[in-house]
Amino acid sequence: MNIKKEIYSFIVQKGLKCLSLFFPDIHMSIPLKPSDRFLEYPFVFKYLPNNKNIKLLDIGCAGSFFPLVVAALGYNVTACDIRPYEILNSIKFDNFEFRQQDICKNPLGEETFDIITCISVLEHIGLGGRYGVVKDEFGDLKMVEQIKKVVKSNGKVLITVPYGVSEIYAPYHRVYDLERVRKLEDGFRVIQEKFYCQNEDRDWRECSAQEGQLKKGGLDRYGLALLYLEKI
């Protein structure tokens, strides 16, 4: 496994560098296509409270700079993941704490956090073979149950997941339809929900929940459901 990681790292680092060196005109001329994060991050930031004394938990942070940006804005942030958070080797904040643990097995304490963010994480939970996740058909729903426990009464939860025709692309991710999104929302009051889909050119547009769930997804293309919830 370590050899595979080294080979992968070498290809990623050296491969992109070689492409930029040998084909600089093409490398610099190809525009950056908007990814999920171009929609997810603005949605989440829009609903962060003005009160920065709140306690925020970000679930599934490994590989993401999002919780560090939130910490840089002055919020008290705890982030957790079953994987190491290697970004911390380069940057640290006094108001940021990382915990390497599975909160389904080792809860963080009932009604501890004012707001919880879970960005493109739930679709991986329960699909064995990636990110160190154990196979469990209802793993994502069990994670939501833990979220309900650790968020305070009337606390807020921001969740984003792939959306479209219901499908599991093991071991990569699942795509949610409206029925399973409603299961994620069970026990919460829905403050806001947004649905997006992509056209053939992979440009994003907002759509209705009904239209979005008719769009067939895949390994690298799917719609999005963005949820802003309040614990009942």
Foldseek 3Di string as FASTA:
>chain_A
DVVVVVVVVCCVVVVVVVCCVVPVVVNVPDDDADDPCVVQVVVVVVPDDPDQAFEEEEEPCAPHCVQVVSVVVPHQYEYEALDDRVVVVPDDDPSYHYDNDDCLVVPPAFQAGQEYEYEAHLFQAQQPDPSNHHHDPCRSLSVLVSVLGHHHAQGKYKYKHFEAAFDRPPNQGTHDAPVVVVSSQPQWDFPDKWKWAADPVRDIDTDDSVVQHHDDADRRGTIMMITMTTGD
